[in-house]
Protein backbone atom coordinates (compact mmCIF):
# COMPACT_ATOMS: atom_id res chain seq x y z
CA MET A 1 -30.76 -9.50 10.89
CA ILE A 2 -28.58 -7.89 8.22
CA SER A 3 -27.14 -10.35 5.68
CA LEU A 4 -23.67 -10.07 4.49
CA SER A 5 -24.78 -10.49 1.04
CA GLY A 6 -22.48 -13.53 0.67
CA ALA A 7 -19.39 -13.19 -1.46
CA TYR A 8 -20.61 -9.87 -3.38
CA PHE A 9 -19.02 -6.46 -3.04
CA THR A 10 -22.38 -4.62 -2.20
CA GLY A 11 -24.93 -4.68 0.50
CA PRO A 12 -25.14 -3.35 3.97
CA LEU A 13 -22.95 -4.67 7.04
CA PRO A 14 -23.50 -5.04 10.61
CA ALA A 15 -22.88 -1.57 12.11
CA ALA A 16 -20.01 -3.00 14.41
CA LEU A 17 -18.07 -4.64 11.60
CA PRO A 18 -16.09 -1.72 10.45
CA PHE A 19 -14.79 -0.98 14.00
CA VAL A 20 -13.90 -4.63 14.52
CA HIS A 21 -12.21 -4.42 11.14
CA ALA A 22 -10.23 -1.42 12.15
CA LEU A 23 -9.01 -2.80 15.54
CA THR A 24 -7.90 -6.03 14.27
CA TYR A 25 -6.15 -4.26 11.36
CA PHE A 26 -4.41 -1.90 13.78
CA LEU A 27 -3.42 -4.90 15.97
CA TYR A 28 -2.07 -6.78 13.04
CA ARG A 29 0.07 -3.88 11.86
CA MET A 30 1.39 -3.32 15.24
CA LEU A 31 2.40 -7.16 15.74
CA ASP A 32 3.76 -7.34 12.24
CA GLU A 33 6.04 -4.14 12.56
CA MET A 34 7.39 -5.55 16.05
CA ASP A 35 8.01 -9.08 15.37
CA GLY A 36 10.69 -8.19 12.97
CA LYS A 37 12.39 -5.67 15.15
CA GLN A 38 12.35 -8.23 18.15
CA ALA A 39 13.67 -10.86 15.85
CA ARG A 40 16.63 -8.62 14.80
CA ARG A 41 17.30 -7.38 18.27
CA THR A 42 17.44 -10.91 20.01
CA GLY A 43 19.73 -12.32 16.87
CA ASN A 44 16.71 -14.86 15.92
CA SER A 45 16.02 -13.35 12.33
CA SER A 46 16.56 -15.65 9.43
CA PRO A 47 15.78 -15.78 5.74
CA LEU A 48 13.19 -18.56 6.55
CA GLY A 49 11.71 -16.01 8.98
CA MET A 50 11.62 -13.35 6.54
CA LEU A 51 9.91 -15.67 3.92
CA PHE A 52 7.29 -16.73 6.31
CA ASP A 53 6.59 -13.18 7.55
CA HIS A 54 6.45 -11.92 3.80
CA GLY A 55 4.25 -14.96 2.96
CA CYS A 56 1.87 -13.99 5.75
CA ASP A 57 1.91 -10.33 4.64
CA CYS A 58 1.03 -11.46 1.16
CA ILE A 59 -2.20 -13.21 2.20
CA ALA A 60 -3.20 -10.19 4.44
CA VAL A 61 -2.70 -7.84 1.43
CA GLY A 62 -5.23 -9.62 -0.61
CA LEU A 63 -7.50 -10.48 2.19
CA GLN A 64 -7.64 -6.79 3.30
CA ASN A 65 -8.24 -5.72 -0.42
CA ILE A 66 -11.24 -7.79 -0.63
CA MET A 67 -12.51 -6.74 2.63
CA LEU A 68 -12.15 -2.87 1.95
CA GLN A 69 -13.94 -3.75 -1.48
CA LYS A 70 -16.79 -5.18 0.36
CA THR A 71 -16.98 -2.40 3.10
CA CYS A 72 -16.81 0.26 0.23
CA CYS A 73 -19.44 -1.54 -1.88
CA THR A 74 -17.23 -1.44 -5.13
CA GLY A 75 -19.45 -4.17 -6.64
CA GLU A 76 -18.22 -6.79 -8.86
CA ASN A 77 -16.37 -5.31 -11.80
CA ALA A 78 -13.01 -4.34 -13.43
CA ILE A 79 -12.16 -1.74 -10.81
CA SER A 80 -12.24 -4.35 -8.23
CA LEU A 81 -10.13 -6.70 -10.03
CA VAL A 82 -7.34 -3.95 -10.91
CA SER A 83 -7.51 -3.05 -7.48
CA LEU A 84 -6.67 -6.29 -6.23
CA ILE A 85 -3.99 -6.86 -8.91
CA SER A 86 -2.15 -3.22 -8.37
CA ASN A 87 -1.94 -4.05 -4.49
CA TYR A 88 -0.37 -7.47 -5.19
CA MET A 89 1.87 -5.96 -7.75
CA CYS A 90 2.97 -3.30 -5.26
CA PHE A 91 3.65 -6.09 -2.70
CA HIS A 92 5.50 -8.28 -5.23
CA LEU A 93 7.82 -5.34 -6.50
CA ALA A 94 8.71 -4.23 -2.91
CA THR A 95 9.58 -7.91 -2.10
CA LEU A 96 11.66 -8.37 -5.08
CA GLU A 97 13.62 -4.99 -4.42
CA GLU A 98 14.09 -6.06 -0.69
CA TYR A 99 15.40 -9.64 -2.12
CA TYR A 100 17.81 -8.03 -4.78
CA LEU A 101 18.93 -4.77 -2.80
CA GLY A 102 19.10 -6.57 0.62
CA THR A 103 17.00 -3.91 2.24
CA LEU A 104 13.47 -2.29 1.85
CA LYS A 105 13.42 1.46 1.11
CA LEU A 106 10.15 2.85 1.34
CA PRO A 107 9.18 6.31 0.09
CA ILE A 108 8.40 9.02 2.29
CA PHE A 109 4.79 8.44 2.00
CA ASN A 110 4.17 4.65 1.80
CA GLY A 111 1.23 2.34 1.79
CA VAL A 112 2.52 0.28 4.56
CA SER A 113 2.42 2.71 7.41
CA ASP A 114 0.57 5.90 5.96
CA GLY A 115 -1.89 3.88 3.80
CA SER A 116 -2.61 1.62 7.14
CA LEU A 117 -3.63 4.78 8.95
CA ALA A 118 -5.93 5.91 6.14
CA ILE A 119 -7.65 2.66 5.94
CA ILE A 120 -8.20 2.46 9.72
CA SER A 121 -9.46 6.06 9.49
CA MET A 122 -11.71 5.11 6.60
CA LEU A 123 -13.20 2.21 8.88
CA ILE A 124 -13.95 4.31 11.61
CA VAL A 125 -15.79 6.86 9.72
CA THR A 126 -17.68 3.96 7.82
CA GLY A 127 -18.57 2.43 11.26
CA CYS A 128 -20.10 5.82 12.09
CA VAL A 129 -22.03 6.59 8.94
CA GLY A 130 -22.61 3.07 7.58
CA ASN A 131 -20.97 1.34 4.60
CA THR A 132 -24.13 1.96 2.27
CA TRP A 133 -22.68 5.71 2.34
CA TRP A 134 -20.07 4.55 0.04
CA ALA A 135 -22.68 2.94 -2.62
CA GLU A 136 -24.32 6.32 -3.30
CA GLU A 137 -23.56 7.24 -7.03
CA VAL A 138 -21.72 10.36 -7.57
CA CYS A 139 -20.60 10.71 -11.06
CA ASP A 140 -20.98 9.39 -14.69
CA GLY A 141 -18.59 6.41 -15.18
CA THR A 142 -18.88 6.41 -19.05
CA TRP A 143 -15.59 8.07 -19.37
CA LEU A 144 -13.80 5.04 -18.10
CA ARG A 145 -15.11 3.20 -21.26
CA ILE A 146 -15.73 -0.06 -19.20
CA PRO A 147 -18.76 -1.58 -20.52
CA SER A 148 -20.27 -2.70 -17.03
CA ILE A 149 -19.75 0.69 -15.29
CA THR A 150 -22.06 3.48 -16.25
CA VAL A 151 -22.00 5.34 -12.90
CA LEU A 152 -19.62 5.50 -10.07
CA ASN A 153 -20.13 5.39 -6.56
CA ARG A 154 -17.85 6.77 -3.86
CA GLY A 155 -16.36 3.52 -2.97
CA GLN A 156 -15.45 2.93 -6.65
CA ILE A 157 -13.77 6.52 -6.89
CA VAL A 158 -11.79 6.10 -3.73
CA ASN A 159 -10.71 2.64 -5.18
CA ILE A 160 -9.58 4.20 -8.37
CA GLY A 161 -7.53 6.71 -6.30
CA VAL A 162 -5.89 3.94 -4.22
CA MET A 163 -4.99 2.11 -7.28
CA PHE A 164 -3.19 5.09 -8.74
CA GLY A 165 -1.58 5.79 -5.48
CA ALA A 166 -0.29 2.25 -5.33
CA VAL A 167 1.14 2.20 -8.58
CA LEU A 168 2.92 5.51 -8.11
CA GLY A 169 4.16 4.60 -4.70
CA SER A 170 5.69 1.31 -6.13
CA THR A 171 7.32 3.26 -8.85
CA MET A 172 8.53 6.53 -7.13
CA ARG A 173 11.74 5.50 -4.85
C-alpha cells in the first residue's frame, strides 16, 4: 500500500488519485460556472449569494493549490509558500475589482477557465506517468538564492511558471 506521506509535499500518490482529482476539479468548475448563470437567469442572484460563492471559491483556491503542490512534489520550501500567496493574491485582486467596478473583467487568457484546462490536463498526464515524475531534478537552483533550494525539480519549475503567470494575469487587464 502506498502511503500519502502525510502533510508533506513530496512522495508517491496512488495511481488513481490524479484522475479522481481531475474529474472532481472539472465537476467543481462546471457547477461553479453554472450556478451563477442560473441564479441570474431566474432572478435569484443576491449580494449574499455572491459573497457565499466567492467564499467557497476562496477556500477552493487554497485547497487546489495545496493538492497540486502535493501532486507535483514541490516540497516544503519558499516556492510552495509564494505559490500559495500568489494564487490568493490573484483571487483577492479580482474580487476587489469586481466589488469596486461592479463587474469581473477577465483577460483573454485567465486562470479561471484556461488555467483550469491546464490543471486538468496536467493531472491526467500525471495519472498516466505517476506523480514521482515531477520530483526528478532537472537543473541547478542556486540562482534563486534561496538557501533551502540547491536543485529544482520539474514540479518546482512548473510552480515558478504558474506564479509568474498568476501575477501577470492579475496585473494585465
